[in-house]
Amino acid sequence: MAYTITITSDSPQALAFIKEAKKLDFAKVTKIKETKTKKNPIETKKRIKKPMPAFEEETKEQYEAIMELSKIANRNIAHKLAKAKNLDLPFKTDEVRKHLYKKKV
C-alpha cells in the first residue's frame, strides 16, 4: 500500500519531519523538483501601462454633427429591425424610412 505525502513548506518543523521520515526503514523520501510557474498573463497585462492616446478637443459643430449621425444610425437600425420583425412601431418621421428603402424599391 503506497501513500504520498506532500510537504509544501520549508519551515523548521517541516524540515525536521522530513529528517525523521528519512530515518524510517519503511519510508522513501524523495525531493520533487519545483517547476517554474508561468507568469499569469492577466497580472503581466496589469503591470504594462499604455500611454493615453492624444485626442483633439472637438468643436461644438463637430459634436453636433456626431450626435446627428448617431441619431440617424440609431433610427436606421430601429427601422431595419422593425421591418425584419414585422413590427409596427410609431416613428416620428418617415423621411428616414423613405431615404433608406428608396434604393430597394
N, C-alpha and C. Protein backbone atom coordinates (compact mmCIF):
# COMPACT_ATOMS: atom_id res chain seq x y z
N MET A 1 0.85 -1.16 0.00
CA MET A 1 0.00 0.00 0.00
C MET A 1 0.91 1.24 0.00
N ALA A 2 0.73 2.10 -0.99
CA ALA A 2 1.58 3.27 -1.12
C ALA A 2 0.80 4.53 -0.78
N TYR A 3 1.43 5.43 -0.09
CA TYR A 3 0.86 6.72 0.25
C TYR A 3 1.83 7.80 -0.21
N THR A 4 1.31 8.95 -0.55
CA THR A 4 2.14 10.07 -0.93
C THR A 4 1.82 11.22 0.00
N ILE A 5 2.84 11.79 0.59
CA ILE A 5 2.68 12.95 1.46
C ILE A 5 3.45 14.09 0.82
N THR A 6 2.81 15.21 0.65
CA THR A 6 3.45 16.38 0.06
C THR A 6 3.60 17.44 1.13
N ILE A 7 4.81 17.91 1.30
CA ILE A 7 5.10 18.98 2.26
C ILE A 7 5.43 20.22 1.44
N THR A 8 4.67 21.27 1.65
CA THR A 8 4.82 22.45 0.81
C THR A 8 5.52 23.61 1.52
N SER A 9 6.07 23.36 2.67
CA SER A 9 6.69 24.44 3.43
C SER A 9 8.15 24.10 3.73
N ASP A 10 8.95 25.12 3.84
CA ASP A 10 10.36 24.93 4.24
C ASP A 10 10.57 25.40 5.67
N SER A 11 9.54 25.30 6.47
CA SER A 11 9.64 25.73 7.88
C SER A 11 10.53 24.74 8.64
N PRO A 12 11.07 25.15 9.76
CA PRO A 12 11.91 24.24 10.56
C PRO A 12 11.17 22.97 10.97
N GLN A 13 9.88 23.09 11.28
CA GLN A 13 9.11 21.91 11.66
C GLN A 13 8.99 20.93 10.49
N ALA A 14 8.77 21.46 9.28
CA ALA A 14 8.64 20.60 8.11
C ALA A 14 9.96 19.91 7.81
N LEU A 15 11.06 20.64 7.90
CA LEU A 15 12.37 20.04 7.64
C LEU A 15 12.71 18.99 8.69
N ALA A 16 12.34 19.23 9.94
CA ALA A 16 12.58 18.23 11.00
C ALA A 16 11.75 16.98 10.73
N PHE A 17 10.52 17.13 10.27
CA PHE A 17 9.68 15.98 9.95
C PHE A 17 10.30 15.17 8.81
N ILE A 18 10.82 15.85 7.80
CA ILE A 18 11.45 15.15 6.68
C ILE A 18 12.67 14.39 7.15
N LYS A 19 13.45 15.01 8.01
CA LYS A 19 14.66 14.35 8.54
C LYS A 19 14.29 13.08 9.30
N GLU A 20 13.24 13.13 10.11
CA GLU A 20 12.80 11.95 10.85
C GLU A 20 12.21 10.90 9.90
N ALA A 21 11.50 11.33 8.85
CA ALA A 21 10.90 10.38 7.92
C ALA A 21 11.98 9.63 7.15
N LYS A 22 13.11 10.28 6.87
CA LYS A 22 14.22 9.62 6.16
C LYS A 22 14.81 8.49 6.99
N LYS A 23 14.71 8.58 8.31
CA LYS A 23 15.28 7.57 9.21
C LYS A 23 14.45 6.28 9.22
N LEU A 24 13.19 6.36 8.84
CA LEU A 24 12.33 5.18 8.87
C LEU A 24 12.69 4.23 7.74
N ASP A 25 12.79 2.94 8.04
CA ASP A 25 13.18 1.96 7.03
C ASP A 25 12.06 1.64 6.03
N PHE A 26 10.84 1.90 6.40
CA PHE A 26 9.71 1.61 5.51
C PHE A 26 9.25 2.83 4.71
N ALA A 27 9.97 3.95 4.86
CA ALA A 27 9.56 5.17 4.16
C ALA A 27 10.63 5.57 3.15
N LYS A 28 10.20 6.02 2.01
CA LYS A 28 11.09 6.50 0.97
C LYS A 28 10.80 7.99 0.78
N VAL A 29 11.80 8.83 0.96
CA VAL A 29 11.62 10.28 0.85
C VAL A 29 12.37 10.75 -0.39
N THR A 30 11.65 11.39 -1.30
CA THR A 30 12.28 11.95 -2.49
C THR A 30 11.88 13.40 -2.62
N LYS A 31 12.82 14.19 -3.07
CA LYS A 31 12.54 15.62 -3.26
C LYS A 31 12.07 15.82 -4.69
N ILE A 32 10.99 16.54 -4.83
CA ILE A 32 10.43 16.82 -6.15
C ILE A 32 10.96 18.17 -6.61
N LYS A 33 11.43 18.18 -7.86
CA LYS A 33 11.90 19.44 -8.41
C LYS A 33 10.71 20.37 -8.59
N GLU A 34 10.88 21.60 -8.17
CA GLU A 34 9.81 22.58 -8.33
C GLU A 34 9.82 23.11 -9.75
N THR A 35 8.66 23.10 -10.35
CA THR A 35 8.56 23.64 -11.70
C THR A 35 8.32 25.14 -11.60
N LYS A 36 8.92 25.86 -12.50
CA LYS A 36 8.72 27.30 -12.51
C LYS A 36 7.31 27.58 -13.02
N THR A 37 6.60 28.37 -12.28
CA THR A 37 5.24 28.70 -12.70
C THR A 37 5.30 29.80 -13.74
N LYS A 38 4.45 29.65 -14.73
CA LYS A 38 4.37 30.68 -15.76
C LYS A 38 3.70 31.91 -15.17
N LYS A 39 4.14 33.05 -15.63
CA LYS A 39 3.54 34.28 -15.16
C LYS A 39 2.11 34.35 -15.66
N ASN A 40 1.26 34.82 -14.79
CA ASN A 40 -0.14 34.98 -15.13
C ASN A 40 -0.25 36.12 -16.14
N PRO A 41 -0.79 35.86 -17.35
CA PRO A 41 -0.86 36.92 -18.36
C PRO A 41 -1.72 38.10 -17.92
N ILE A 42 -2.70 37.83 -17.07
CA ILE A 42 -3.55 38.93 -16.59
C ILE A 42 -2.74 39.85 -15.68
N GLU A 43 -1.95 39.25 -14.80
CA GLU A 43 -1.12 40.05 -13.91
C GLU A 43 -0.09 40.85 -14.70
N THR A 44 0.51 40.20 -15.70
CA THR A 44 1.50 40.89 -16.52
C THR A 44 0.86 42.04 -17.27
N LYS A 45 -0.34 41.83 -17.76
CA LYS A 45 -1.04 42.86 -18.52
C LYS A 45 -1.37 44.05 -17.63
N LYS A 46 -1.68 43.80 -16.36
CA LYS A 46 -2.00 44.89 -15.45
C LYS A 46 -0.78 45.79 -15.22
N ARG A 47 0.40 45.21 -15.23
CA ARG A 47 1.61 45.98 -14.96
C ARG A 47 2.00 46.87 -16.12
N ILE A 48 1.64 46.47 -17.34
CA ILE A 48 2.02 47.25 -18.51
C ILE A 48 1.11 48.47 -18.61
N LYS A 49 1.72 49.62 -18.60
CA LYS A 49 0.94 50.85 -18.70
C LYS A 49 1.08 51.39 -20.11
N LYS A 50 -0.05 51.49 -20.78
CA LYS A 50 -0.04 52.02 -22.13
C LYS A 50 -0.26 53.53 -22.06
N PRO A 51 0.44 54.26 -22.88
CA PRO A 51 0.23 55.71 -22.87
C PRO A 51 -1.16 56.05 -23.41
N MET A 52 -1.73 57.06 -22.84
CA MET A 52 -3.05 57.50 -23.29
C MET A 52 -2.92 58.17 -24.65
N PRO A 53 -3.80 57.82 -25.59
CA PRO A 53 -3.73 58.46 -26.90
C PRO A 53 -4.12 59.93 -26.80
N ALA A 54 -3.52 60.72 -27.64
CA ALA A 54 -3.82 62.15 -27.64
C ALA A 54 -5.04 62.40 -28.51
N PHE A 55 -6.02 63.05 -27.94
CA PHE A 55 -7.24 63.38 -28.67
C PHE A 55 -7.33 64.89 -28.82
N GLU A 56 -7.85 65.28 -29.96
CA GLU A 56 -8.11 66.70 -30.16
C GLU A 56 -9.44 67.04 -29.51
N GLU A 57 -9.54 68.23 -29.01
CA GLU A 57 -10.82 68.69 -28.48
C GLU A 57 -11.75 68.94 -29.66
N GLU A 58 -12.95 68.41 -29.58
CA GLU A 58 -13.89 68.61 -30.68
C GLU A 58 -14.65 69.91 -30.47
N THR A 59 -14.96 70.51 -31.57
CA THR A 59 -15.72 71.76 -31.51
C THR A 59 -17.19 71.45 -31.32
N LYS A 60 -17.96 72.47 -31.03
CA LYS A 60 -19.41 72.30 -30.84
C LYS A 60 -20.05 71.79 -32.12
N GLU A 61 -19.59 72.30 -33.26
CA GLU A 61 -20.15 71.87 -34.54
C GLU A 61 -19.85 70.40 -34.81
N GLN A 62 -18.61 69.98 -34.48
CA GLN A 62 -18.26 68.56 -34.67
C GLN A 62 -19.11 67.68 -33.77
N TYR A 63 -19.29 68.10 -32.53
CA TYR A 63 -20.10 67.33 -31.59
C TYR A 63 -21.53 67.18 -32.09
N GLU A 64 -22.10 68.30 -32.57
CA GLU A 64 -23.47 68.25 -33.07
C GLU A 64 -23.58 67.36 -34.30
N ALA A 65 -22.57 67.39 -35.17
CA ALA A 65 -22.58 66.53 -36.36
C ALA A 65 -22.51 65.06 -35.96
N ILE A 66 -21.67 64.75 -34.98
CA ILE A 66 -21.55 63.37 -34.49
C ILE A 66 -22.87 62.90 -33.89
N MET A 67 -23.50 63.73 -33.10
CA MET A 67 -24.77 63.37 -32.48
C MET A 67 -25.86 63.16 -33.53
N GLU A 68 -25.86 63.99 -34.56
CA GLU A 68 -26.85 63.84 -35.62
C GLU A 68 -26.64 62.52 -36.38
N LEU A 69 -25.39 62.21 -36.67
CA LEU A 69 -25.09 60.93 -37.34
C LEU A 69 -25.51 59.76 -36.46
N SER A 70 -25.26 59.87 -35.17
CA SER A 70 -25.64 58.81 -34.24
C SER A 70 -27.15 58.63 -34.22
N LYS A 71 -27.89 59.73 -34.22
CA LYS A 71 -29.36 59.66 -34.25
C LYS A 71 -29.85 58.96 -35.50
N ILE A 72 -29.26 59.34 -36.64
CA ILE A 72 -29.67 58.74 -37.91
C ILE A 72 -29.37 57.25 -37.91
N ALA A 73 -28.18 56.89 -37.44
CA ALA A 73 -27.80 55.48 -37.41
C ALA A 73 -28.74 54.68 -36.51
N ASN A 74 -29.04 55.22 -35.34
CA ASN A 74 -29.95 54.52 -34.42
C ASN A 74 -31.34 54.38 -35.02
N ARG A 75 -31.80 55.43 -35.67
CA ARG A 75 -33.11 55.40 -36.30
C ARG A 75 -33.13 54.36 -37.42
N ASN A 76 -32.04 54.33 -38.21
CA ASN A 76 -31.96 53.36 -39.30
C ASN A 76 -31.99 51.93 -38.77
N ILE A 77 -31.27 51.70 -37.71
CA ILE A 77 -31.26 50.36 -37.10
C ILE A 77 -32.66 50.00 -36.62
N ALA A 78 -33.33 50.94 -35.98
CA ALA A 78 -34.68 50.67 -35.49
C ALA A 78 -35.63 50.36 -36.64
N HIS A 79 -35.52 51.10 -37.74
CA HIS A 79 -36.38 50.84 -38.90
C HIS A 79 -36.10 49.47 -39.50
N LYS A 80 -34.83 49.13 -39.62
CA LYS A 80 -34.49 47.82 -40.20
C LYS A 80 -34.97 46.68 -39.31
N LEU A 81 -34.81 46.82 -38.02
CA LEU A 81 -35.30 45.79 -37.10
C LEU A 81 -36.81 45.69 -37.15
N ALA A 82 -37.48 46.84 -37.22
CA ALA A 82 -38.94 46.83 -37.29
C ALA A 82 -39.41 46.13 -38.55
N LYS A 83 -38.72 46.39 -39.65
CA LYS A 83 -39.10 45.75 -40.91
C LYS A 83 -38.82 44.25 -40.86
N ALA A 84 -37.66 43.87 -40.31
CA ALA A 84 -37.29 42.45 -40.25
C ALA A 84 -38.21 41.65 -39.34
N LYS A 85 -38.67 42.27 -38.26
CA LYS A 85 -39.52 41.57 -37.30
C LYS A 85 -41.01 41.84 -37.52
N ASN A 86 -41.34 42.55 -38.61
CA ASN A 86 -42.73 42.90 -38.93
C ASN A 86 -43.41 43.63 -37.76
N LEU A 87 -42.73 44.61 -37.24
CA LEU A 87 -43.28 45.40 -36.14
C LEU A 87 -43.84 46.71 -36.68
N ASP A 88 -44.88 47.17 -36.08
CA ASP A 88 -45.45 48.45 -36.47
C ASP A 88 -45.13 49.44 -35.36
N LEU A 89 -43.96 50.05 -35.45
CA LEU A 89 -43.52 50.99 -34.43
C LEU A 89 -43.89 52.41 -34.82
N PRO A 90 -44.26 53.23 -33.86
CA PRO A 90 -44.62 54.62 -34.17
C PRO A 90 -43.37 55.48 -34.31
N PHE A 91 -42.95 55.73 -35.53
CA PHE A 91 -41.80 56.58 -35.77
C PHE A 91 -42.26 58.01 -35.99
N LYS A 92 -41.43 58.95 -35.57
CA LYS A 92 -41.79 60.36 -35.70
C LYS A 92 -41.86 60.80 -37.15
N THR A 93 -40.86 60.40 -37.93
CA THR A 93 -40.84 60.81 -39.34
C THR A 93 -40.62 59.58 -40.21
N ASP A 94 -41.18 59.65 -41.40
CA ASP A 94 -40.96 58.58 -42.36
C ASP A 94 -39.92 58.97 -43.40
N GLU A 95 -39.32 60.17 -43.23
CA GLU A 95 -38.32 60.62 -44.18
C GLU A 95 -37.13 59.68 -44.21
N VAL A 96 -36.71 59.26 -43.05
CA VAL A 96 -35.55 58.37 -42.99
C VAL A 96 -35.89 57.04 -43.64
N ARG A 97 -37.10 56.55 -43.40
CA ARG A 97 -37.52 55.28 -43.98
C ARG A 97 -37.52 55.37 -45.51
N LYS A 98 -38.05 56.48 -46.04
CA LYS A 98 -38.07 56.66 -47.49
C LYS A 98 -36.66 56.71 -48.04
N HIS A 99 -35.79 57.40 -47.31
CA HIS A 99 -34.39 57.52 -47.73
C HIS A 99 -33.70 56.15 -47.70
N LEU A 100 -34.00 55.36 -46.70
CA LEU A 100 -33.37 54.05 -46.52
C LEU A 100 -33.75 53.09 -47.64
N TYR A 101 -35.02 53.03 -47.93
CA TYR A 101 -35.51 51.99 -48.78
C TYR A 101 -35.78 52.43 -50.22
N LYS A 102 -35.42 53.67 -50.57
CA LYS A 102 -35.69 54.11 -51.93
C LYS A 102 -34.82 53.37 -52.95
N LYS A 103 -33.65 52.91 -52.53
CA LYS A 103 -32.78 52.15 -53.42
C LYS A 103 -33.36 50.76 -53.69
N LYS A 104 -34.02 50.19 -52.69
CA LYS A 104 -34.52 48.82 -52.81
C LYS A 104 -35.85 48.75 -53.53
N VAL A 105 -36.64 49.82 -53.50
CA VAL A 105 -37.99 49.82 -54.08
C VAL A 105 -37.95 49.89 -55.58
